[in-house]
Amino acid sequence: MIATTTPTIEGTRITKYCGIVTGEMILGTSFLKDFAAGFRDTFGGRASSYEKEIGQARVLALRQMQGRAGEIGANAVVGVKLDYESLGTTNGLLMVTASGTAVFVE
């Protein structure tokens, strides 16, 4: 299934708009990752453990969004947007949301 940030897909014609679809993933951060990220924040460098988890969460949110699009008869999603939000009383959770318009293209 094609998912794109653009409102159209070049070389295709949208024949049906099926509705808005979303996919969400929430990550919990662990003490060790928080400690390592804080250390890198202080002394410089990349927090690769966070980057890897955020990347996985993004892929899973997109897959979930595409799966929901397929369930309602779409074969593509246009206008995809990704959002990231901290959650929880200590901001110890990260939510990745993918949203877009499910469409059927020829």
N, C-alpha and C. Protein backbone atom coordinates (compact mmCIF):
# COMPACT_ATOMS: atom_id res chain seq x y z
N MET A 1 0.85 -1.18 0.00
CA MET A 1 0.00 0.00 0.00
C MET A 1 0.89 1.24 0.00
N ILE A 2 0.56 2.17 -0.86
CA ILE A 2 1.29 3.43 -0.94
C ILE A 2 0.81 4.36 0.17
N ALA A 3 1.76 4.99 0.85
CA ALA A 3 1.44 6.05 1.82
C ALA A 3 2.36 7.22 1.49
N THR A 4 1.77 8.39 1.31
CA THR A 4 2.55 9.55 0.90
C THR A 4 2.09 10.81 1.64
N THR A 5 3.02 11.73 1.81
CA THR A 5 2.67 13.00 2.46
C THR A 5 1.99 13.96 1.50
N THR A 6 2.04 13.65 0.22
CA THR A 6 1.44 14.53 -0.78
C THR A 6 -0.07 14.28 -0.89
N PRO A 7 -0.82 15.24 -1.42
CA PRO A 7 -2.28 15.07 -1.52
C PRO A 7 -2.71 14.18 -2.68
N THR A 8 -1.80 13.87 -3.59
CA THR A 8 -2.10 13.01 -4.73
C THR A 8 -0.92 12.05 -4.93
N ILE A 9 -1.13 11.07 -5.79
CA ILE A 9 -0.05 10.15 -6.15
C ILE A 9 0.15 10.28 -7.65
N GLU A 10 1.32 10.73 -8.04
CA GLU A 10 1.60 10.98 -9.45
C GLU A 10 1.34 9.73 -10.29
N GLY A 11 0.66 9.94 -11.39
CA GLY A 11 0.38 8.84 -12.31
C GLY A 11 -0.85 8.02 -11.95
N THR A 12 -1.55 8.42 -10.90
CA THR A 12 -2.77 7.71 -10.52
C THR A 12 -3.92 8.70 -10.42
N ARG A 13 -5.12 8.14 -10.36
CA ARG A 13 -6.31 8.97 -10.18
C ARG A 13 -7.06 8.45 -8.96
N ILE A 14 -7.33 9.35 -8.04
CA ILE A 14 -8.11 8.98 -6.86
C ILE A 14 -9.57 8.87 -7.27
N THR A 15 -10.15 7.67 -7.06
CA THR A 15 -11.54 7.46 -7.46
C THR A 15 -12.48 7.40 -6.27
N LYS A 16 -11.92 7.26 -5.07
CA LYS A 16 -12.78 7.19 -3.89
C LYS A 16 -12.00 7.65 -2.66
N TYR A 17 -12.63 8.49 -1.87
CA TYR A 17 -12.09 8.90 -0.57
C TYR A 17 -12.80 8.07 0.48
N CYS A 18 -12.05 7.32 1.26
CA CYS A 18 -12.63 6.38 2.22
C CYS A 18 -12.70 6.94 3.64
N GLY A 19 -11.94 7.97 3.93
CA GLY A 19 -11.99 8.58 5.25
C GLY A 19 -10.61 8.74 5.88
N ILE A 20 -10.61 9.35 7.04
CA ILE A 20 -9.36 9.58 7.78
C ILE A 20 -8.98 8.30 8.52
N VAL A 21 -7.70 7.97 8.47
CA VAL A 21 -7.19 6.81 9.20
C VAL A 21 -6.00 7.23 10.06
N THR A 22 -5.82 6.52 11.17
CA THR A 22 -4.71 6.82 12.06
C THR A 22 -4.04 5.53 12.51
N GLY A 23 -2.83 5.67 12.99
CA GLY A 23 -2.11 4.60 13.65
C GLY A 23 -1.35 5.22 14.80
N GLU A 24 -1.36 4.57 15.94
CA GLU A 24 -0.70 5.13 17.13
C GLU A 24 0.19 4.09 17.78
N MET A 25 1.33 4.53 18.27
CA MET A 25 2.21 3.68 19.07
C MET A 25 2.70 4.50 20.25
N ILE A 26 2.69 3.88 21.41
CA ILE A 26 3.18 4.55 22.62
C ILE A 26 4.36 3.77 23.15
N LEU A 27 5.47 4.47 23.36
CA LEU A 27 6.69 3.85 23.89
C LEU A 27 6.86 4.28 25.34
N GLY A 28 7.28 3.35 26.15
CA GLY A 28 7.69 3.66 27.51
C GLY A 28 9.20 3.73 27.54
N THR A 29 9.74 4.72 28.22
CA THR A 29 11.19 4.83 28.31
C THR A 29 11.65 4.14 29.58
N SER A 30 12.83 3.57 29.52
CA SER A 30 13.37 2.88 30.68
C SER A 30 14.39 3.75 31.39
N PHE A 31 14.67 3.42 32.62
CA PHE A 31 15.63 4.18 33.43
C PHE A 31 17.00 4.23 32.75
N LEU A 32 17.48 3.11 32.25
CA LEU A 32 18.82 3.08 31.65
C LEU A 32 18.89 3.94 30.39
N LYS A 33 17.85 3.88 29.57
CA LYS A 33 17.85 4.72 28.36
C LYS A 33 17.77 6.19 28.73
N ASP A 34 16.95 6.52 29.75
CA ASP A 34 16.87 7.91 30.21
C ASP A 34 18.23 8.38 30.72
N PHE A 35 18.91 7.53 31.48
CA PHE A 35 20.22 7.88 32.03
C PHE A 35 21.22 8.12 30.90
N ALA A 36 21.27 7.20 29.94
CA ALA A 36 22.20 7.32 28.82
C ALA A 36 21.89 8.56 27.98
N ALA A 37 20.61 8.82 27.73
CA ALA A 37 20.22 9.99 26.95
C ALA A 37 20.59 11.27 27.70
N GLY A 38 20.39 11.30 29.02
CA GLY A 38 20.77 12.46 29.81
C GLY A 38 22.26 12.72 29.76
N PHE A 39 23.04 11.65 29.81
CA PHE A 39 24.49 11.76 29.72
C PHE A 39 24.89 12.35 28.38
N ARG A 40 24.29 11.84 27.31
CA ARG A 40 24.60 12.36 25.97
C ARG A 40 24.14 13.80 25.81
N ASP A 41 23.01 14.14 26.43
CA ASP A 41 22.51 15.50 26.37
C ASP A 41 23.51 16.46 27.01
N THR A 42 24.10 16.02 28.10
CA THR A 42 25.06 16.86 28.83
C THR A 42 26.39 16.98 28.10
N PHE A 43 26.89 15.87 27.58
CA PHE A 43 28.22 15.84 27.00
C PHE A 43 28.25 15.79 25.48
N GLY A 44 27.12 15.75 24.87
CA GLY A 44 27.04 15.72 23.41
C GLY A 44 26.95 14.31 22.87
N GLY A 45 26.53 14.20 21.64
CA GLY A 45 26.41 12.89 21.00
C GLY A 45 24.96 12.56 20.72
N ARG A 46 24.78 11.41 20.12
CA ARG A 46 23.44 10.97 19.72
C ARG A 46 22.91 9.95 20.72
N ALA A 47 21.62 10.00 20.97
CA ALA A 47 20.96 9.03 21.84
C ALA A 47 20.41 7.92 20.94
N SER A 48 21.32 7.04 20.50
CA SER A 48 20.95 6.04 19.49
C SER A 48 19.88 5.07 19.96
N SER A 49 19.83 4.77 21.26
CA SER A 49 18.79 3.85 21.74
C SER A 49 17.42 4.47 21.57
N TYR A 50 17.29 5.77 21.83
CA TYR A 50 16.02 6.46 21.61
C TYR A 50 15.69 6.54 20.12
N GLU A 51 16.70 6.86 19.31
CA GLU A 51 16.48 6.97 17.87
C GLU A 51 15.95 5.66 17.30
N LYS A 52 16.53 4.55 17.74
CA LYS A 52 16.10 3.24 17.24
C LYS A 52 14.65 2.96 17.64
N GLU A 53 14.29 3.23 18.88
CA GLU A 53 12.92 2.98 19.35
C GLU A 53 11.91 3.89 18.66
N ILE A 54 12.27 5.15 18.49
CA ILE A 54 11.36 6.08 17.81
C ILE A 54 11.16 5.64 16.36
N GLY A 55 12.22 5.21 15.70
CA GLY A 55 12.11 4.71 14.33
C GLY A 55 11.20 3.50 14.24
N GLN A 56 11.32 2.57 15.19
CA GLN A 56 10.45 1.39 15.20
C GLN A 56 9.00 1.79 15.46
N ALA A 57 8.79 2.72 16.38
CA ALA A 57 7.43 3.17 16.68
C ALA A 57 6.80 3.85 15.46
N ARG A 58 7.60 4.62 14.72
CA ARG A 58 7.10 5.29 13.52
C ARG A 58 6.67 4.25 12.47
N VAL A 59 7.51 3.23 12.25
CA VAL A 59 7.18 2.18 11.28
C VAL A 59 5.90 1.46 11.69
N LEU A 60 5.76 1.14 12.98
CA LEU A 60 4.56 0.43 13.45
C LEU A 60 3.31 1.29 13.36
N ALA A 61 3.43 2.59 13.65
CA ALA A 61 2.28 3.49 13.53
C ALA A 61 1.84 3.59 12.07
N LEU A 62 2.79 3.68 11.15
CA LEU A 62 2.45 3.74 9.73
C LEU A 62 1.80 2.44 9.27
N ARG A 63 2.34 1.30 9.71
CA ARG A 63 1.74 0.01 9.34
C ARG A 63 0.31 -0.11 9.86
N GLN A 64 0.10 0.34 11.10
CA GLN A 64 -1.24 0.27 11.68
C GLN A 64 -2.20 1.16 10.89
N MET A 65 -1.75 2.36 10.51
CA MET A 65 -2.58 3.27 9.73
C MET A 65 -2.92 2.64 8.37
N GLN A 66 -1.94 2.04 7.72
CA GLN A 66 -2.17 1.41 6.42
C GLN A 66 -3.10 0.20 6.56
N GLY A 67 -2.95 -0.55 7.63
CA GLY A 67 -3.84 -1.68 7.87
C GLY A 67 -5.28 -1.23 8.03
N ARG A 68 -5.49 -0.15 8.77
CA ARG A 68 -6.84 0.38 8.95
C ARG A 68 -7.40 0.89 7.63
N ALA A 69 -6.54 1.46 6.78
CA ALA A 69 -6.99 1.92 5.47
C ALA A 69 -7.46 0.73 4.64
N GLY A 70 -6.70 -0.34 4.65
CA GLY A 70 -7.08 -1.55 3.92
C GLY A 70 -8.40 -2.12 4.40
N GLU A 71 -8.64 -2.05 5.71
CA GLU A 71 -9.88 -2.57 6.28
C GLU A 71 -11.12 -1.84 5.77
N ILE A 72 -10.96 -0.59 5.36
CA ILE A 72 -12.12 0.18 4.87
C ILE A 72 -12.14 0.29 3.34
N GLY A 73 -11.34 -0.55 2.67
CA GLY A 73 -11.39 -0.63 1.22
C GLY A 73 -10.45 0.28 0.46
N ALA A 74 -9.49 0.89 1.14
CA ALA A 74 -8.54 1.78 0.47
C ALA A 74 -7.33 0.98 -0.01
N ASN A 75 -6.63 1.52 -1.00
CA ASN A 75 -5.39 0.91 -1.43
C ASN A 75 -4.22 1.90 -1.36
N ALA A 76 -4.46 3.07 -0.76
CA ALA A 76 -3.41 4.07 -0.57
C ALA A 76 -3.85 5.05 0.53
N VAL A 77 -2.86 5.77 1.05
CA VAL A 77 -3.14 6.83 2.03
C VAL A 77 -2.38 8.06 1.58
N VAL A 78 -3.08 9.18 1.45
CA VAL A 78 -2.46 10.45 1.05
C VAL A 78 -2.52 11.44 2.20
N GLY A 79 -1.69 12.48 2.09
CA GLY A 79 -1.67 13.52 3.11
C GLY A 79 -1.20 13.02 4.46
N VAL A 80 -0.27 12.06 4.47
CA VAL A 80 0.19 11.46 5.72
C VAL A 80 0.96 12.48 6.56
N LYS A 81 0.65 12.48 7.84
CA LYS A 81 1.33 13.36 8.79
C LYS A 81 1.77 12.51 9.98
N LEU A 82 2.96 12.77 10.47
CA LEU A 82 3.47 12.10 11.67
C LEU A 82 3.59 13.11 12.80
N ASP A 83 3.13 12.71 13.97
CA ASP A 83 3.22 13.57 15.15
C ASP A 83 3.88 12.80 16.28
N TYR A 84 4.59 13.53 17.13
CA TYR A 84 5.26 12.96 18.29
C TYR A 84 4.84 13.76 19.51
N GLU A 85 4.49 13.07 20.59
CA GLU A 85 3.99 13.75 21.79
C GLU A 85 4.48 13.03 23.03
N SER A 86 4.91 13.80 24.04
CA SER A 86 5.27 13.24 25.34
C SER A 86 4.01 13.09 26.18
N LEU A 87 3.91 11.96 26.88
CA LEU A 87 2.75 11.68 27.71
C LEU A 87 3.19 11.26 29.10
N GLY A 88 2.26 11.25 30.02
CA GLY A 88 2.53 10.76 31.37
C GLY A 88 2.88 11.90 32.31
N THR A 89 2.78 11.61 33.58
CA THR A 89 3.03 12.65 34.58
C THR A 89 4.47 13.13 34.58
N THR A 90 5.41 12.27 34.20
CA THR A 90 6.82 12.67 34.13
C THR A 90 7.32 12.69 32.70
N ASN A 91 6.41 12.73 31.74
CA ASN A 91 6.75 12.69 30.31
C ASN A 91 7.57 11.46 29.97
N GLY A 92 7.31 10.35 30.65
CA GLY A 92 8.06 9.12 30.45
C GLY A 92 7.54 8.26 29.31
N LEU A 93 6.52 8.73 28.62
CA LEU A 93 5.97 7.99 27.48
C LEU A 93 6.05 8.87 26.24
N LEU A 94 6.28 8.24 25.11
CA LEU A 94 6.29 8.96 23.85
C LEU A 94 5.27 8.33 22.93
N MET A 95 4.37 9.15 22.38
CA MET A 95 3.37 8.66 21.45
C MET A 95 3.73 9.12 20.04
N VAL A 96 3.72 8.18 19.11
CA VAL A 96 3.92 8.48 17.69
C VAL A 96 2.59 8.21 17.00
N THR A 97 2.07 9.20 16.28
CA THR A 97 0.80 9.08 15.59
C THR A 97 1.01 9.33 14.10
N ALA A 98 0.47 8.45 13.29
CA ALA A 98 0.46 8.62 11.84
C ALA A 98 -1.00 8.81 11.44
N SER A 99 -1.29 9.81 10.61
CA SER A 99 -2.66 10.03 10.15
C SER A 99 -2.64 10.45 8.69
N GLY A 100 -3.74 10.16 8.01
CA GLY A 100 -3.84 10.52 6.61
C GLY A 100 -5.24 10.21 6.09
N THR A 101 -5.45 10.43 4.82
CA THR A 101 -6.72 10.15 4.17
C THR A 101 -6.60 8.88 3.36
N ALA A 102 -7.44 7.90 3.71
CA ALA A 102 -7.48 6.64 2.98
C ALA A 102 -8.21 6.86 1.67
N VAL A 103 -7.62 6.39 0.58
CA VAL A 103 -8.21 6.58 -0.74
C VAL A 103 -8.09 5.29 -1.56
N PHE A 104 -8.88 5.22 -2.62
CA PHE A 104 -8.74 4.16 -3.60
C PHE A 104 -8.25 4.81 -4.88
N VAL A 105 -7.12 4.32 -5.40
CA VAL A 105 -6.56 4.89 -6.63
C VAL A 105 -6.55 3.86 -7.74
N GLU A 106 -6.67 4.34 -8.97
CA GLU A 106 -6.59 3.46 -10.16
C GLU A 106 -5.18 3.49 -10.69
